[in-house]
């Protein structure tokens, strides 16, 4: 592709046109083909939104395993007309493009590599002009909505908009649990500049008192202003949203949004390394070991993605660390679908 193509106007116009074409094609396929273009998850979302519009719980819709906030956002899909039914697809597609724009902005920034416009756009095209990405969002998968929150989170952190970063992190984790793994790498990344005290200015002290002072100073230094603000703002956002949803929907909210995923067994359209074992567990639950694989699968996944990778890499390159975390999380996830694989493309 000619380098003259890589201007913001041409690339983003192409990205928008690609999604418009897929949206229109989807309408035709849904109308005339027995094989529907629209993702079954989108039907779940819109059914839940319709229940909410009637003053009922979104969990009246069987298999709705998401926060009610998503059903609230998609309330216009319950209004009459094909356009309003496709509102969610349009929203997810727009989120895709905005996520690509954030990627471009990050790559142009000094903290993101200070790339030239052309080179930054080439990398952004991995997301913006990727037909798989466009297909998934225009079929009605909500991953585009989460993608724009995650890449906006990365932008906010490198630009040191710490309160905004905390709010985005809290909102992302509320919408879908997995972005909490980024919290560890961001906290580790937000290190204060090293401060050294000249030897001649240090007061004499015994080895025991010196070790105690160093331990206290190390702990106090770790909890610097940026880290404290990030932790408080993210927790306040996350807890506030959860308390609001719990006040309205009570235990069904906790059960379907969070607790269900601890024991989830999904062996269909699943590329996970645990797929065969989960299939056996669901087919003959009485004959398998009492050791619950669906719960233990989180152990290697979280150990690598939320602890080891952040400690090893986050101070060197935050974006690279988030990519490594995402790859580790997806590779060891007990449910691995095309939508889950999409998590990696954006940071890639």
Protein backbone atom coordinates (compact mmCIF):
# COMPACT_ATOMS: atom_id res chain seq x y z
CA UNK A 1 0.00 0.00 0.00
CA UNK A 2 1.41 3.42 -0.99
CA UNK A 3 2.79 5.53 1.84
CA UNK A 4 0.73 8.47 0.51
CA UNK A 5 -2.38 6.59 1.65
CA UNK A 6 -1.42 6.89 5.30
CA UNK A 7 -3.00 10.20 6.24
CA UNK A 8 -5.49 10.49 9.13
CA UNK A 9 -8.34 11.47 6.79
CA UNK A 10 -7.89 8.52 4.44
CA UNK A 11 -7.25 5.88 7.09
CA UNK A 12 -10.14 6.84 9.36
CA UNK A 13 -12.49 7.35 6.41
CA UNK A 14 -11.59 3.84 5.23
CA UNK A 15 -12.16 2.43 8.73
CA UNK A 16 -15.60 4.04 8.93
CA UNK A 17 -16.51 2.93 5.39
CA UNK A 18 -15.46 -0.65 6.17
CA UNK A 19 -17.81 -0.79 9.15
CA UNK A 20 -20.68 0.85 7.27
CA UNK A 21 -20.34 -1.77 4.50
CA UNK A 22 -20.38 -4.59 7.04
CA UNK A 23 -23.39 -3.10 8.83
CA UNK A 24 -25.38 -2.84 5.59
CA UNK A 25 -24.32 -6.31 4.49
CA UNK A 26 -25.42 -7.64 7.88
CA UNK A 27 -28.90 -6.22 7.37
CA UNK A 28 -29.16 -8.01 4.02
CA UNK A 29 -27.89 -11.32 5.36
CA UNK A 30 -30.23 -11.19 8.35
CA UNK A 31 -33.17 -10.45 6.06
CA UNK A 32 -32.55 -13.07 3.36
CA UNK A 33 -30.31 -15.80 4.74
CA UNK A 34 -31.12 -18.56 7.25
CA UNK A 35 -27.58 -18.00 8.60
CA UNK A 36 -27.81 -14.76 10.51
CA UNK A 37 -25.04 -12.17 10.55
CA UNK A 38 -26.07 -10.82 13.94
CA UNK A 39 -24.26 -12.43 16.87
CA UNK A 40 -26.44 -14.36 19.32
CA UNK A 41 -24.91 -12.25 22.11
CA UNK A 42 -26.45 -9.17 20.52
CA UNK A 43 -29.88 -10.77 20.73
CA UNK A 44 -29.20 -11.37 24.43
CA UNK A 45 -28.19 -7.71 24.90
CA UNK A 46 -31.23 -6.34 23.10
CA UNK A 47 -33.64 -8.68 24.90
CA UNK A 48 -32.16 -7.54 28.23
CA UNK A 49 -32.52 -3.89 27.16
CA UNK A 50 -36.16 -4.53 26.28
CA UNK A 51 -36.80 -5.98 29.73
CA UNK A 52 -35.19 -2.91 31.31
CA UNK A 53 -37.39 -0.63 29.17
CA UNK A 54 -40.40 -2.44 30.66
CA UNK A 55 -39.20 -1.82 34.19
CA UNK A 56 -37.98 -5.40 34.67
CA UNK A 57 -34.57 -6.85 35.44
CA UNK A 58 -32.21 -7.56 32.52
CA UNK A 59 -31.60 -10.93 34.17
CA UNK A 60 -35.10 -11.95 33.11
CA UNK A 61 -33.31 -12.73 29.87
CA UNK A 62 -31.75 -16.16 30.24
CA UNK A 63 -27.94 -16.25 29.68
CA UNK A 64 -27.53 -12.50 30.27
CA UNK A 65 -24.25 -12.55 32.26
CA UNK A 66 -23.26 -8.90 32.15
CA UNK A 67 -23.64 -5.74 34.17
CA UNK A 68 -27.07 -4.06 33.88
CA UNK A 69 -25.16 -0.97 32.76
CA UNK A 70 -24.74 -2.56 29.33
CA UNK A 71 -28.48 -3.08 29.02
CA UNK A 72 -29.04 0.53 30.08
CA UNK A 73 -26.63 1.77 27.41
CA UNK A 74 -28.50 -0.27 24.80
CA UNK A 75 -31.98 0.93 25.78
CA UNK A 76 -32.52 2.60 22.35
CA UNK A 77 -32.48 -0.89 20.78
CA UNK A 78 -35.88 -1.46 22.38
CA UNK A 79 -37.42 1.39 20.36
CA UNK A 80 -39.32 0.52 17.15
CA UNK A 81 -37.49 0.36 13.85
CA UNK A 82 -34.51 -1.37 12.24
CA UNK A 83 -32.26 1.62 12.83
CA UNK A 84 -32.82 1.59 16.58
CA UNK A 85 -32.41 -2.17 16.75
CA UNK A 86 -28.98 -1.67 15.14
CA UNK A 87 -28.07 1.14 17.55
CA UNK A 88 -25.82 -1.15 19.59
CA UNK A 89 -23.92 -2.35 16.52
CA UNK A 90 -23.40 1.24 15.46
CA UNK A 91 -22.20 2.16 18.95
CA UNK A 92 -19.74 -0.75 19.04
CA UNK A 93 -18.44 0.10 15.56
CA UNK A 94 -17.91 3.75 16.53
CA UNK A 95 -16.09 2.55 19.65
CA UNK A 96 -13.78 0.54 17.38
CA UNK A 97 -12.85 3.64 15.42
CA UNK A 98 -12.36 5.77 18.56
CA UNK A 99 -10.11 3.05 19.98
CA UNK A 100 -8.04 3.23 16.80
CA UNK A 101 -7.82 6.99 17.14
CA UNK A 102 -6.53 6.66 20.72
CA UNK A 103 -3.95 4.18 19.45
CA UNK A 104 -2.79 6.69 16.85
CA UNK A 105 -2.57 9.48 19.44
CA UNK A 106 -0.58 7.30 21.87
CA UNK A 107 1.93 6.28 19.18
CA UNK A 108 2.42 9.93 18.20
CA UNK A 109 3.00 11.03 21.80
CA UNK A 110 6.57 11.19 23.19
CA UNK A 111 5.59 8.65 25.87
CA UNK A 112 4.31 6.25 23.21
CA UNK A 113 7.30 6.30 20.89
CA UNK A 114 6.96 9.69 19.15
CA UNK A 115 6.33 7.99 15.80
CA UNK A 116 5.76 9.91 12.60
CA UNK A 117 2.16 10.28 11.46
CA UNK A 118 2.55 7.72 8.68
CA UNK A 119 4.19 5.09 10.84
CA UNK A 120 1.68 5.55 13.68
CA UNK A 121 -1.19 5.14 11.23
CA UNK A 122 0.32 1.93 9.86
CA UNK A 123 0.31 0.42 13.32
CA UNK A 124 -3.20 1.76 14.03
CA UNK A 125 -4.39 0.05 10.83
CA UNK A 126 -3.77 -3.34 12.46
CA UNK A 127 -6.92 -2.50 14.39
CA UNK A 128 -8.75 0.01 12.21
CA UNK A 129 -8.65 -1.91 8.92
CA UNK A 130 -8.74 -5.41 10.37
CA UNK A 131 -11.82 -7.17 8.90
CA UNK A 132 -12.06 -9.50 11.90
CA UNK A 133 -12.31 -6.53 14.27
CA UNK A 134 -14.90 -4.82 12.08
CA UNK A 135 -16.92 -8.01 11.69
CA UNK A 136 -17.08 -8.74 15.40
CA UNK A 137 -18.26 -5.25 16.33
CA UNK A 138 -20.81 -4.95 13.49
CA UNK A 139 -22.23 -8.37 14.38
CA UNK A 140 -23.07 -6.93 17.78
CA UNK A 141 -20.25 -7.97 20.10
CA UNK A 142 -19.59 -5.43 22.84
CA UNK A 143 -15.80 -5.90 22.85
CA UNK A 144 -15.33 -2.63 20.95
CA UNK A 145 -16.85 -0.75 23.88
CA UNK A 146 -14.36 -2.29 26.27
CA UNK A 147 -11.49 -1.79 23.81
CA UNK A 148 -11.95 1.96 23.74
CA UNK A 149 -11.97 2.07 27.55
CA UNK A 150 -8.75 0.04 27.79
CA UNK A 151 -6.82 2.07 25.23
CA UNK A 152 -8.16 5.31 26.78
CA UNK A 153 -6.88 3.99 30.10
CA UNK A 154 -3.40 3.53 28.61
CA UNK A 155 -3.53 7.06 27.16
CA UNK A 156 -4.61 8.55 30.50
CA UNK A 157 -1.79 6.79 32.36
CA UNK A 158 1.04 7.83 30.04
CA UNK A 159 -0.31 11.41 30.05
CA UNK A 160 -0.50 11.25 33.86
CA UNK A 161 -4.25 11.91 34.01
CA UNK A 162 -4.37 9.74 37.10
CA UNK A 163 -7.91 10.44 38.33
CA UNK A 164 -9.30 9.81 34.83
CA UNK A 165 -7.20 6.64 34.58
CA UNK A 166 -8.60 5.37 37.87
CA UNK A 167 -12.18 6.06 36.79
CA UNK A 168 -11.63 4.30 33.46
CA UNK A 169 -10.07 1.31 35.21
CA UNK A 170 -12.98 1.04 37.65
CA UNK A 171 -15.54 1.35 34.85
CA UNK A 172 -13.71 -1.21 32.67
CA UNK A 173 -13.58 -3.79 35.46
CA UNK A 174 -17.26 -3.24 36.18
CA UNK A 175 -18.17 -3.82 32.52
CA UNK A 176 -15.96 -6.89 32.19
CA UNK A 177 -13.81 -8.35 34.93
CA UNK A 178 -10.56 -9.00 33.05
CA UNK A 179 -9.14 -5.40 32.86
CA UNK A 180 -8.33 -5.60 36.57
CA UNK A 181 -5.07 -7.31 35.56
CA UNK A 182 -3.88 -3.98 34.17
CA UNK A 183 -4.20 -2.39 37.61
CA UNK A 184 -1.07 -4.18 38.87
CA UNK A 185 1.10 -3.07 35.94
CA UNK A 186 -0.16 0.52 36.12
CA UNK A 187 0.50 0.74 39.87
CA UNK A 188 4.00 -0.69 39.35
CA UNK A 189 4.58 1.72 36.45
CA UNK A 190 3.69 4.83 38.46
CA UNK A 191 7.00 4.95 40.26
CA UNK A 192 8.33 8.16 41.75
CA UNK A 193 11.67 9.47 40.46
CA UNK A 194 14.51 7.90 42.41
CA UNK A 195 15.67 9.98 45.29
CA UNK A 196 19.12 9.52 46.74
CA UNK A 197 20.52 11.05 49.88
CA UNK A 198 24.23 11.98 49.82
CA UNK A 199 26.26 9.86 52.19
CA UNK A 200 27.70 12.85 54.03
CA UNK A 201 24.20 14.07 54.94
CA UNK A 202 23.09 10.77 56.43
CA UNK A 203 23.03 10.54 60.20
CA UNK A 204 24.92 7.64 61.74
CA UNK A 205 22.77 4.73 62.76
CA UNK A 206 23.10 1.16 63.92
CA UNK A 207 22.55 -1.62 61.33
CA UNK A 208 19.26 -2.60 63.00
CA UNK A 209 17.84 0.90 63.00
CA UNK A 210 19.09 1.46 59.45
CA UNK A 211 17.25 -1.64 58.20
CA UNK A 212 14.07 -0.57 59.96
CA UNK A 213 14.27 2.93 58.52
CA UNK A 214 14.91 1.56 55.03
CA UNK A 215 11.90 -0.76 55.30
CA UNK A 216 9.61 2.07 56.39
CA UNK A 217 10.96 4.39 53.69
CA UNK A 218 10.51 1.71 51.04
CA UNK A 219 6.87 1.19 52.01
CA UNK A 220 6.16 4.93 52.16
CA UNK A 221 7.93 5.49 48.86
CA UNK A 222 5.88 2.78 47.16
CA UNK A 223 2.59 4.48 48.12
CA UNK A 224 3.34 7.70 46.28
CA UNK A 225 0.73 10.28 45.38
CA UNK A 226 -0.01 8.91 41.90
CA UNK A 227 -0.50 5.35 43.14
CA UNK A 228 -2.77 6.42 45.98
CA UNK A 229 -4.92 8.57 43.67
CA UNK A 230 -5.18 5.74 41.11
CA UNK A 231 -6.19 3.16 43.74
CA UNK A 232 -8.75 5.44 45.41
CA UNK A 233 -10.34 6.70 42.17
CA UNK A 234 -10.58 3.22 40.62
CA UNK A 235 -12.01 1.65 43.79
CA UNK A 236 -14.52 4.48 44.26
CA UNK A 237 -15.73 4.12 40.67
CA UNK A 238 -15.91 0.32 40.81
CA UNK A 239 -17.57 0.16 44.23
CA UNK A 240 -20.04 2.95 43.44
CA UNK A 241 -21.24 1.25 40.26
CA UNK A 242 -21.52 -2.11 42.00
CA UNK A 243 -23.43 -0.67 44.96
CA UNK A 244 -25.83 1.08 42.59
CA UNK A 245 -26.50 -2.10 40.62
CA UNK A 246 -26.81 -4.19 43.77
CA UNK A 247 -29.28 -1.70 45.26
CA UNK A 248 -31.47 -2.07 42.17
CA UNK A 249 -31.05 -5.74 41.24
CA UNK A 250 -29.80 -7.37 44.47
CA UNK A 251 -28.21 -10.86 44.34
CA UNK A 252 -28.98 -11.63 40.67
CA UNK A 253 -26.56 -8.83 39.78
CA UNK A 254 -23.69 -10.39 41.78
CA UNK A 255 -24.53 -13.90 40.68
CA UNK A 256 -24.73 -13.27 36.93
CA UNK A 257 -22.13 -10.51 36.59
CA UNK A 258 -19.34 -11.89 38.78
CA UNK A 259 -19.94 -15.18 40.60
CA UNK A 260 -21.14 -17.09 37.53
CA UNK A 261 -17.73 -16.74 35.86
CA UNK A 262 -15.97 -18.54 38.69
CA UNK A 263 -17.73 -21.81 37.87
CA UNK A 264 -18.52 -21.23 34.20
CA UNK A 265 -18.25 -24.27 31.90
CA UNK A 266 -18.41 -23.39 28.21
CA UNK A 267 -17.11 -26.02 25.80
CA UNK A 268 -18.73 -24.62 22.67
CA UNK A 269 -16.83 -22.44 20.16
CA UNK A 270 -13.99 -22.58 22.67
CA UNK A 271 -10.26 -22.58 21.75
CA UNK A 272 -9.11 -22.88 25.36
CA UNK A 273 -6.50 -25.50 26.41
CA UNK A 274 -9.07 -26.58 28.99
CA UNK A 275 -11.73 -27.20 26.34
CA UNK A 276 -11.67 -31.02 26.39
CA UNK A 277 -11.64 -31.23 30.17
CA UNK A 278 -14.51 -28.75 30.42
CA UNK A 279 -16.41 -30.73 27.80
CA UNK A 280 -16.01 -33.90 29.89
CA UNK A 281 -17.05 -32.04 33.02
CA UNK A 282 -20.25 -30.79 31.41
CA UNK A 283 -21.06 -34.12 29.74
CA UNK A 284 -20.63 -36.29 32.82
CA UNK A 285 -20.45 -34.09 35.92
CA UNK A 286 -20.89 -37.05 38.29
CA UNK A 287 -17.92 -38.98 36.89
CA UNK A 288 -15.24 -36.33 37.03
CA UNK A 289 -12.94 -35.53 39.92
CA UNK A 290 -14.22 -33.52 42.84
CA UNK A 291 -11.43 -31.08 42.01
CA UNK A 292 -13.24 -28.28 40.18
CA UNK A 293 -11.15 -27.40 37.14
CA UNK A 294 -13.39 -24.48 36.24
CA UNK A 295 -12.38 -22.77 39.48
CA UNK A 296 -8.70 -23.81 39.57
CA UNK A 297 -8.09 -22.62 35.98
CA UNK A 298 -7.77 -19.09 37.32
CA UNK A 299 -4.63 -19.91 39.34
CA UNK A 300 -2.00 -20.09 36.54
CA UNK A 301 -3.85 -17.46 34.56
CA UNK A 302 -3.81 -14.84 37.32
CA UNK A 303 -0.36 -15.78 38.61
CA UNK A 304 1.18 -15.02 35.22
CA UNK A 305 -0.99 -12.15 33.94
CA UNK A 306 -1.61 -10.23 37.17
CA UNK A 307 1.59 -10.84 39.18
CA UNK A 308 4.64 -12.17 37.32
CA UNK A 309 4.34 -10.18 34.08
CA UNK A 310 3.72 -6.78 35.76
CA UNK A 311 6.64 -7.26 38.16
CA UNK A 312 9.00 -8.26 35.36
CA UNK A 313 8.06 -5.74 32.66
CA UNK A 314 5.85 -2.82 33.70
CA UNK A 315 8.64 -0.39 34.67
CA UNK A 316 10.24 -0.87 31.24
CA UNK A 317 7.24 -0.55 28.90
CA UNK A 318 3.65 -0.22 30.06
CA UNK A 319 2.02 -0.91 26.68
CA UNK A 320 4.24 -3.95 26.11
CA UNK A 321 3.42 -5.20 29.59
CA UNK A 322 -0.32 -4.87 28.97
CA UNK A 323 0.12 -6.80 25.71
CA UNK A 324 2.00 -9.59 27.51
CA UNK A 325 -0.65 -9.64 30.24
CA UNK A 326 -3.43 -9.88 27.67
CA UNK A 327 -1.72 -12.71 25.78
CA UNK A 328 -1.17 -14.62 29.02
CA UNK A 329 -4.74 -14.03 30.16
CA UNK A 330 -6.21 -15.16 26.83
CA UNK A 331 -3.90 -18.16 26.48
CA UNK A 332 -4.81 -19.54 29.90
CA UNK A 333 -8.45 -18.47 29.91
CA UNK A 334 -10.91 -21.32 30.27
CA UNK A 335 -13.19 -19.67 27.71
CA UNK A 336 -11.36 -18.56 24.58
CA UNK A 337 -13.49 -17.37 21.68
CA UNK A 338 -12.89 -15.02 18.75
CA UNK A 339 -14.11 -12.13 20.87
CA UNK A 340 -11.64 -13.00 23.62
CA UNK A 341 -8.79 -13.15 21.11
CA UNK A 342 -9.76 -9.63 20.08
CA UNK A 343 -8.44 -8.36 23.44
CA UNK A 344 -4.88 -8.73 22.13
CA UNK A 345 -5.24 -6.99 18.77
CA UNK A 346 -5.66 -3.48 20.07
CA UNK A 347 -2.55 -3.39 22.27
CA UNK A 348 -0.59 -5.31 19.64
